[in-house]
């Protein structure tokens, strides 16, 4: 994994649930369900993402941080 970000997305029952977005290193592969299981073994159940998405890139701002606002807008549209 090269980069990852977790964001909250709307959920009908819990108002919001985590979504994990992962950028893989070039030439690497990963199964989203395996990544989800890996996280589930290490964090509380309510922190475990409902979904893991493999993406090409994440938006990075001028300070080098992931622009989560842009991720939330893209995930909910």
PDB file of N, CA and C in Angstrom:
ATOM      1  N   UNK A   1       0.845  -1.159   0.000  1.00  0.00           N
ATOM      2  CA  UNK A   1       0.000   0.000   0.000  1.00  0.00           C
ATOM      3  C   UNK A   1       0.900   1.234   0.000  1.00  0.00           C
ATOM      4  N   UNK A   2       0.578   2.193  -0.852  1.00  0.00           N
ATOM      5  CA  UNK A   2       1.358   3.417  -0.930  1.00  0.00           C
ATOM      6  C   UNK A   2       0.742   4.526  -0.083  1.00  0.00           C
ATOM      7  N   UNK A   3      -0.593   4.582  -0.073  1.00  0.00           N
ATOM      8  CA  UNK A   3      -1.290   5.661   0.613  1.00  0.00           C
ATOM      9  C   UNK A   3      -2.710   5.198   0.897  1.00  0.00           C
ATOM     10  N   UNK A   4      -3.264   5.643   2.016  1.00  0.00           N
ATOM     11  CA  UNK A   4      -4.642   5.295   2.351  1.00  0.00           C
ATOM     12  C   UNK A   4      -5.284   6.448   3.103  1.00  0.00           C
ATOM     13  N   UNK A   5      -6.604   6.528   3.002  1.00  0.00           N
ATOM     14  CA  UNK A   5      -7.366   7.536   3.730  1.00  0.00           C
ATOM     15  C   UNK A   5      -8.716   6.939   4.099  1.00  0.00           C
ATOM     16  N   UNK A   6      -9.147   7.221   5.302  1.00  0.00           N
ATOM     17  CA  UNK A   6     -10.477   6.802   5.754  1.00  0.00           C
ATOM     18  C   UNK A   6     -11.346   8.048   5.866  1.00  0.00           C
ATOM     19  N   UNK A   7     -12.570   7.937   5.345  1.00  0.00           N
ATOM     20  CA  UNK A   7     -13.516   9.047   5.428  1.00  0.00           C
ATOM     21  C   UNK A   7     -14.847   8.507   5.910  1.00  0.00           C
ATOM     22  N   UNK A   8     -15.667   9.389   6.430  1.00  0.00           N
ATOM     23  CA  UNK A   8     -17.026   9.021   6.804  1.00  0.00           C
ATOM     24  C   UNK A   8     -17.961   9.272   5.642  1.00  0.00           C
ATOM     25  N   UNK A   9     -18.821   8.300   5.372  1.00  0.00           N
ATOM     26  CA  UNK A   9     -19.830   8.458   4.315  1.00  0.00           C
ATOM     27  C   UNK A   9     -21.204   8.198   4.923  1.00  0.00           C
ATOM     28  N   UNK A  10     -22.236   8.812   4.370  1.00  0.00           N
ATOM     29  CA  UNK A  10     -23.582   8.647   4.924  1.00  0.00           C
ATOM     30  C   UNK A  10     -24.015   7.182   4.983  1.00  0.00           C
ATOM     31  N   UNK A  11     -24.731   6.858   6.054  1.00  0.00           N
ATOM     32  CA  UNK A  11     -25.258   5.510   6.256  1.00  0.00           C
ATOM     33  C   UNK A  11     -26.690   5.654   6.764  1.00  0.00           C
ATOM     34  N   UNK A  12     -27.639   4.856   6.246  1.00  0.00           N
ATOM     35  CA  UNK A  12     -29.042   5.026   6.622  1.00  0.00           C
ATOM     36  C   UNK A  12     -29.332   4.759   8.105  1.00  0.00           C
ATOM     37  N   UNK A  13     -28.606   3.841   8.721  1.00  0.00           N
ATOM     38  CA  UNK A  13     -28.891   3.504  10.118  1.00  0.00           C
ATOM     39  C   UNK A  13     -27.992   4.269  11.091  1.00  0.00           C
ATOM     40  N   UNK A  14     -26.712   4.375  10.778  1.00  0.00           N
ATOM     41  CA  UNK A  14     -25.739   4.925  11.726  1.00  0.00           C
ATOM     42  C   UNK A  14     -25.332   6.361  11.396  1.00  0.00           C
ATOM     43  N   UNK A  15     -26.009   7.010  10.497  1.00  0.00           N
ATOM     44  CA  UNK A  15     -25.689   8.361  10.038  1.00  0.00           C
ATOM     45  C   UNK A  15     -24.405   8.404   9.214  1.00  0.00           C
ATOM     46  N   UNK A  16     -23.330   7.763   9.720  1.00  0.00           N
ATOM     47  CA  UNK A  16     -22.067   7.793   9.008  1.00  0.00           C
ATOM     48  C   UNK A  16     -21.258   6.538   9.336  1.00  0.00           C
ATOM     49  N   UNK A  17     -20.583   6.001   8.324  1.00  0.00           N
ATOM     50  CA  UNK A  17     -19.715   4.825   8.506  1.00  0.00           C
ATOM     51  C   UNK A  17     -18.418   5.054   7.744  1.00  0.00           C
ATOM     52  N   UNK A  18     -17.331   4.386   8.165  1.00  0.00           N
ATOM     53  CA  UNK A  18     -16.047   4.588   7.487  1.00  0.00           C
ATOM     54  C   UNK A  18     -15.960   3.913   6.118  1.00  0.00           C
ATOM     55  N   UNK A  19     -15.262   4.588   5.240  1.00  0.00           N
ATOM     56  CA  UNK A  19     -14.907   4.075   3.917  1.00  0.00           C
ATOM     57  C   UNK A  19     -13.398   4.235   3.813  1.00  0.00           C
ATOM     58  N   UNK A  20     -12.703   3.164   3.447  1.00  0.00           N
ATOM     59  CA  UNK A  20     -11.248   3.206   3.320  1.00  0.00           C
ATOM     60  C   UNK A  20     -10.879   3.236   1.843  1.00  0.00           C
ATOM     61  N   UNK A  21     -10.100   4.248   1.463  1.00  0.00           N
ATOM     62  CA  UNK A  21      -9.614   4.399   0.093  1.00  0.00           C
ATOM     63  C   UNK A  21      -8.117   4.123   0.104  1.00  0.00           C
ATOM     64  N   UNK A  22      -7.677   3.237  -0.785  1.00  0.00           N
ATOM     65  CA  UNK A  22      -6.292   2.769  -0.779  1.00  0.00           C
ATOM     66  C   UNK A  22      -5.671   2.945  -2.160  1.00  0.00           C
ATOM     67  N   UNK A  23      -4.468   3.522  -2.180  1.00  0.00           N
ATOM     68  CA  UNK A  23      -3.662   3.603  -3.391  1.00  0.00           C
ATOM     69  C   UNK A  23      -2.544   2.585  -3.220  1.00  0.00           C
ATOM     70  N   UNK A  24      -2.422   1.675  -4.163  1.00  0.00           N
ATOM     71  CA  UNK A  24      -1.397   0.631  -4.099  1.00  0.00           C
ATOM     72  C   UNK A  24      -0.097   1.097  -4.740  1.00  0.00           C
ATOM     73  N   UNK A  25       0.984   0.514  -4.299  1.00  0.00           N
ATOM     74  CA  UNK A  25       2.278   0.770  -4.931  1.00  0.00           C
ATOM     75  C   UNK A  25       2.244   0.205  -6.354  1.00  0.00           C
ATOM     76  N   UNK A  26       2.965   0.818  -7.266  1.00  0.00           N
ATOM     77  CA  UNK A  26       2.987   0.310  -8.645  1.00  0.00           C
ATOM     78  C   UNK A  26       3.412  -1.163  -8.684  1.00  0.00           C
ATOM     79  N   UNK A  27       2.658  -1.939  -9.443  1.00  0.00           N
ATOM     80  CA  UNK A  27       2.958  -3.357  -9.608  1.00  0.00           C
ATOM     81  C   UNK A  27       2.419  -4.258  -8.514  1.00  0.00           C
ATOM     82  N   UNK A  28       1.739  -3.696  -7.519  1.00  0.00           N
ATOM     83  CA  UNK A  28       1.191  -4.498  -6.428  1.00  0.00           C
ATOM     84  C   UNK A  28      -0.310  -4.670  -6.598  1.00  0.00           C
ATOM     85  N   UNK A  29      -0.811  -5.733  -6.014  1.00  0.00           N
ATOM     86  CA  UNK A  29      -2.247  -6.015  -6.027  1.00  0.00           C
ATOM     87  C   UNK A  29      -2.710  -6.258  -4.605  1.00  0.00           C
ATOM     88  N   UNK A  30      -3.992  -6.029  -4.362  1.00  0.00           N
ATOM     89  CA  UNK A  30      -4.579  -6.320  -3.051  1.00  0.00           C
ATOM     90  C   UNK A  30      -6.062  -6.574  -3.224  1.00  0.00           C
ATOM     91  N   UNK A  31      -6.564  -7.451  -2.402  1.00  0.00           N
ATOM     92  CA  UNK A  31      -7.989  -7.752  -2.390  1.00  0.00           C
ATOM     93  C   UNK A  31      -8.657  -6.848  -1.352  1.00  0.00           C
ATOM     94  N   UNK A  32      -9.649  -6.049  -1.762  1.00  0.00           N
ATOM     95  CA  UNK A  32     -10.316  -5.162  -0.809  1.00  0.00           C
ATOM     96  C   UNK A  32     -10.871  -5.898   0.416  1.00  0.00           C
ATOM     97  N   UNK A  33     -11.409  -7.087   0.223  1.00  0.00           N
ATOM     98  CA  UNK A  33     -11.956  -7.834   1.356  1.00  0.00           C
ATOM     99  C   UNK A  33     -10.854  -8.290   2.312  1.00  0.00           C
ATOM    100  N   UNK A  34      -9.681  -8.621   1.770  1.00  0.00           N
ATOM    101  CA  UNK A  34      -8.554  -9.005   2.618  1.00  0.00           C
ATOM    102  C   UNK A  34      -8.052  -7.804   3.422  1.00  0.00           C
ATOM    103  N   UNK A  35      -8.031  -6.630   2.798  1.00  0.00           N
ATOM    104  CA  UNK A  35      -7.635  -5.420   3.520  1.00  0.00           C
ATOM    105  C   UNK A  35      -8.631  -5.103   4.628  1.00  0.00           C
ATOM    106  N   UNK A  36      -9.895  -5.266   4.323  1.00  0.00           N
ATOM    107  CA  UNK A  36     -10.950  -5.023   5.318  1.00  0.00           C
ATOM    108  C   UNK A  36     -10.793  -5.988   6.502  1.00  0.00           C
ATOM    109  N   UNK A  37     -10.518  -7.245   6.228  1.00  0.00           N
ATOM    110  CA  UNK A  37     -10.310  -8.232   7.293  1.00  0.00           C
ATOM    111  C   UNK A  37      -9.067  -7.897   8.113  1.00  0.00           C
ATOM    112  N   UNK A  38      -8.029  -7.432   7.448  1.00  0.00           N
ATOM    113  CA  UNK A  38      -6.795  -7.042   8.141  1.00  0.00           C
ATOM    114  C   UNK A  38      -7.079  -5.915   9.136  1.00  0.00           C
ATOM    115  N   UNK A  39      -7.818  -4.913   8.692  1.00  0.00           N
ATOM    116  CA  UNK A  39      -8.172  -3.796   9.565  1.00  0.00           C
ATOM    117  C   UNK A  39      -9.072  -4.280  10.705  1.00  0.00           C
ATOM    118  N   UNK A  40     -10.026  -5.156  10.400  1.00  0.00           N
ATOM    119  CA  UNK A  40     -10.974  -5.641  11.405  1.00  0.00           C
ATOM    120  C   UNK A  40     -10.285  -6.362  12.558  1.00  0.00           C
ATOM    121  N   UNK A  41      -9.137  -6.981  12.281  1.00  0.00           N
ATOM    122  CA  UNK A  41      -8.391  -7.668  13.332  1.00  0.00           C
ATOM    123  C   UNK A  41      -7.683  -6.703  14.273  1.00  0.00           C
ATOM    124  N   UNK A  42      -7.564  -5.448  13.870  1.00  0.00           N
ATOM    125  CA  UNK A  42      -6.728  -4.510  14.615  1.00  0.00           C
ATOM    126  C   UNK A  42      -7.450  -3.322  15.229  1.00  0.00           C
ATOM    127  N   UNK A  43      -8.680  -3.083  14.827  1.00  0.00           N
ATOM    128  CA  UNK A  43      -9.409  -1.918  15.341  1.00  0.00           C
ATOM    129  C   UNK A  43     -10.797  -2.348  15.834  1.00  0.00           C
ATOM    130  N   UNK A  44     -11.428  -1.460  16.565  1.00  0.00           N
ATOM    131  CA  UNK A  44     -12.769  -1.729  17.082  1.00  0.00           C
ATOM    132  C   UNK A  44     -13.749  -1.954  15.928  1.00  0.00           C
ATOM    133  N   UNK A  45     -14.767  -2.741  16.186  1.00  0.00           N
ATOM    134  CA  UNK A  45     -15.737  -3.095  15.143  1.00  0.00           C
ATOM    135  C   UNK A  45     -16.365  -1.862  14.499  1.00  0.00           C
ATOM    136  N   UNK A  46     -16.673  -0.865  15.292  1.00  0.00           N
ATOM    137  CA  UNK A  46     -17.329   0.325  14.747  1.00  0.00           C
ATOM    138  C   UNK A  46     -16.364   1.197  13.947  1.00  0.00           C
ATOM    139  N   UNK A  47     -15.057   0.947  14.044  1.00  0.00           N
ATOM    140  CA  UNK A  47     -14.080   1.658  13.231  1.00  0.00           C
ATOM    141  C   UNK A  47     -13.781   0.915  11.931  1.00  0.00           C
ATOM    142  N   UNK A  48     -14.139  -0.345  11.855  1.00  0.00           N
ATOM    143  CA  UNK A  48     -13.859  -1.142  10.660  1.00  0.00           C
ATOM    144  C   UNK A  48     -14.685  -0.612   9.488  1.00  0.00           C
ATOM    145  N   UNK A  49     -14.043  -0.319   8.360  1.00  0.00           N
ATOM    146  CA  UNK A  49     -14.790   0.227   7.227  1.00  0.00           C
ATOM    147  C   UNK A  49     -15.774  -0.788   6.654  1.00  0.00           C
ATOM    148  N   UNK A  50     -16.915  -0.276   6.216  1.00  0.00           N
ATOM    149  CA  UNK A  50     -17.897  -1.121   5.540  1.00  0.00           C
ATOM    150  C   UNK A  50     -17.405  -1.513   4.154  1.00  0.00           C
ATOM    151  N   UNK A  51     -16.562  -0.653   3.586  1.00  0.00           N
ATOM    152  CA  UNK A  51     -16.074  -0.893   2.234  1.00  0.00           C
ATOM    153  C   UNK A  51     -14.634  -0.411   2.117  1.00  0.00           C
ATOM    154  N   UNK A  52     -13.851  -1.124   1.317  1.00  0.00           N
ATOM    155  CA  UNK A  52     -12.496  -0.714   0.968  1.00  0.00           C
ATOM    156  C   UNK A  52     -12.462  -0.578  -0.547  1.00  0.00           C
ATOM    157  N   UNK A  53     -12.033   0.581  -1.017  1.00  0.00           N
ATOM    158  CA  UNK A  53     -11.933   0.826  -2.455  1.00  0.00           C
ATOM    159  C   UNK A  53     -10.469   1.040  -2.826  1.00  0.00           C
ATOM    160  N   UNK A  54     -10.053   0.353  -3.870  1.00  0.00           N
ATOM    161  CA  UNK A  54      -8.724   0.577  -4.437  1.00  0.00           C
ATOM    162  C   UNK A  54      -8.874   1.694  -5.463  1.00  0.00           C
ATOM    163  N   UNK A  55      -8.100   2.769  -5.306  1.00  0.00           N
ATOM    164  CA  UNK A  55      -8.177   3.915  -6.214  1.00  0.00           C
ATOM    165  C   UNK A  55      -6.800   4.188  -6.814  1.00  0.00           C
ATOM    166  N   UNK A  56      -6.785   4.923  -7.905  1.00  0.00           N
ATOM    167  CA  UNK A  56      -5.526   5.254  -8.585  1.00  0.00           C
ATOM    168  C   UNK A  56      -4.746   6.319  -7.828  1.00  0.00           C
ATOM    169  N   UNK A  57      -5.453   7.347  -7.363  1.00  0.00           N
ATOM    170  CA  UNK A  57      -4.812   8.463  -6.669  1.00  0.00           C
ATOM    171  C   UNK A  57      -5.740   9.013  -5.592  1.00  0.00           C
ATOM    172  N   UNK A  58      -5.160   9.777  -4.699  1.00  0.00           N
ATOM    173  CA  UNK A  58      -5.924  10.534  -3.713  1.00  0.00           C
ATOM    174  C   UNK A  58      -5.561  12.006  -3.905  1.00  0.00           C
ATOM    175  N   UNK A  59      -6.521  12.909  -3.728  1.00  0.00           N
ATOM    176  CA  UNK A  59      -6.197  14.330  -3.896  1.00  0.00           C
ATOM    177  C   UNK A  59      -5.298  14.803  -2.743  1.00  0.00           C
ATOM    178  N   UNK A  60      -4.186  15.415  -3.102  1.00  0.00           N
ATOM    179  CA  UNK A  60      -3.221  15.904  -2.121  1.00  0.00           C
ATOM    180  C   UNK A  60      -3.147  17.422  -2.229  1.00  0.00           C
ATOM    181  N   UNK A  61      -3.222  18.099  -1.093  1.00  0.00           N
ATOM    182  CA  UNK A  61      -3.149  19.559  -1.074  1.00  0.00           C
ATOM    183  C   UNK A  61      -1.714  20.057  -1.077  1.00  0.00           C
ATOM    184  N   UNK A  62      -1.540  21.360  -1.086  1.00  0.00           N
ATOM    185  CA  UNK A  62      -0.199  21.943  -1.145  1.00  0.00           C
ATOM    186  C   UNK A  62       0.667  21.623   0.079  1.00  0.00           C
ATOM    187  N   UNK A  63       0.046  21.281   1.203  1.00  0.00           N
ATOM    188  CA  UNK A  63       0.814  20.931   2.401  1.00  0.00           C
ATOM    189  C   UNK A  63       1.156  19.446   2.455  1.00  0.00           C
ATOM    190  N   UNK A  64       0.717  18.681   1.452  1.00  0.00           N
ATOM    191  CA  UNK A  64       1.016  17.253   1.406  1.00  0.00           C
ATOM    192  C   UNK A  64      -0.016  16.379   2.083  1.00  0.00           C
ATOM    193  N   UNK A  65      -1.099  16.990   2.569  1.00  0.00           N
ATOM    194  CA  UNK A  65      -2.153  16.222   3.234  1.00  0.00           C
ATOM    195  C   UNK A  65      -3.231  15.802   2.236  1.00  0.00           C
ATOM    196  N   UNK A  66      -3.881  14.681   2.538  1.00  0.00           N
ATOM    197  CA  UNK A  66      -5.001  14.217   1.712  1.00  0.00           C
ATOM    198  C   UNK A  66      -6.176  15.163   1.912  1.00  0.00           C
ATOM    199  N   UNK A  67      -6.794  15.573   0.819  1.00  0.00           N
ATOM    200  CA  UNK A  67      -7.938  16.485   0.860  1.00  0.00           C
ATOM    201  C   UNK A  67      -9.217  15.673   1.062  1.00  0.00           C
ATOM    202  N   UNK A  68      -9.549  15.435   2.321  1.00  0.00           N
ATOM    203  CA  UNK A  68     -10.684  14.575   2.642  1.00  0.00           C
ATOM    204  C   UNK A  68     -12.020  15.179   2.220  1.00  0.00           C
ATOM    205  N   UNK A  69     -12.112  16.484   2.204  1.00  0.00           N
ATOM    206  CA  UNK A  69     -13.365  17.109   1.765  1.00  0.00           C
ATOM    207  C   UNK A  69     -13.677  16.713   0.318  1.00  0.00           C
ATOM    208  N   UNK A  70     -12.646  16.714  -0.531  1.00  0.00           N
ATOM    209  CA  UNK A  70     -12.833  16.297  -1.921  1.00  0.00           C
ATOM    210  C   UNK A  70     -13.201  14.822  -2.012  1.00  0.00           C
ATOM    211  N   UNK A  71     -12.594  14.002  -1.158  1.00  0.00           N
ATOM    212  CA  UNK A  71     -12.927  12.573  -1.144  1.00  0.00           C
ATOM    213  C   UNK A  71     -14.383  12.353  -0.746  1.00  0.00           C
ATOM    214  N   UNK A  72     -14.840  13.072   0.279  1.00  0.00           N
ATOM    215  CA  UNK A  72     -16.233  12.920   0.723  1.00  0.00           C
ATOM    216  C   UNK A  72     -17.203  13.338  -0.378  1.00  0.00           C
ATOM    217  N   UNK A  73     -16.889  14.452  -1.057  1.00  0.00           N
ATOM    218  CA  UNK A  73     -17.761  14.914  -2.140  1.00  0.00           C
ATOM    219  C   UNK A  73     -17.816  13.883  -3.261  1.00  0.00           C
ATOM    220  N   UNK A  74     -16.682  13.321  -3.621  1.00  0.00           N
ATOM    221  CA  UNK A  74     -16.638  12.332  -4.697  1.00  0.00           C
ATOM    222  C   UNK A  74     -17.345  11.042  -4.287  1.00  0.00           C
ATOM    223  N   UNK A  75     -17.208  10.636  -3.029  1.00  0.00           N
ATOM    224  CA  UNK A  75     -17.813   9.379  -2.564  1.00  0.00           C
ATOM    225  C   UNK A  75     -19.329   9.472  -2.449  1.00  0.00           C
ATOM    226  N   UNK A  76     -19.865  10.650  -2.213  1.00  0.00           N
ATOM    227  CA  UNK A  76     -21.302  10.786  -2.030  1.00  0.00           C
ATOM    228  C   UNK A  76     -22.020  11.236  -3.297  1.00  0.00           C
ATOM    229  N   UNK A  77     -21.279  11.522  -4.358  1.00  0.00           N
ATOM    230  CA  UNK A  77     -21.950  11.956  -5.605  1.00  0.00           C
ATOM    231  C   UNK A  77     -22.048  10.834  -6.595  1.00  0.00           C
TER     232      UNK A  77
END
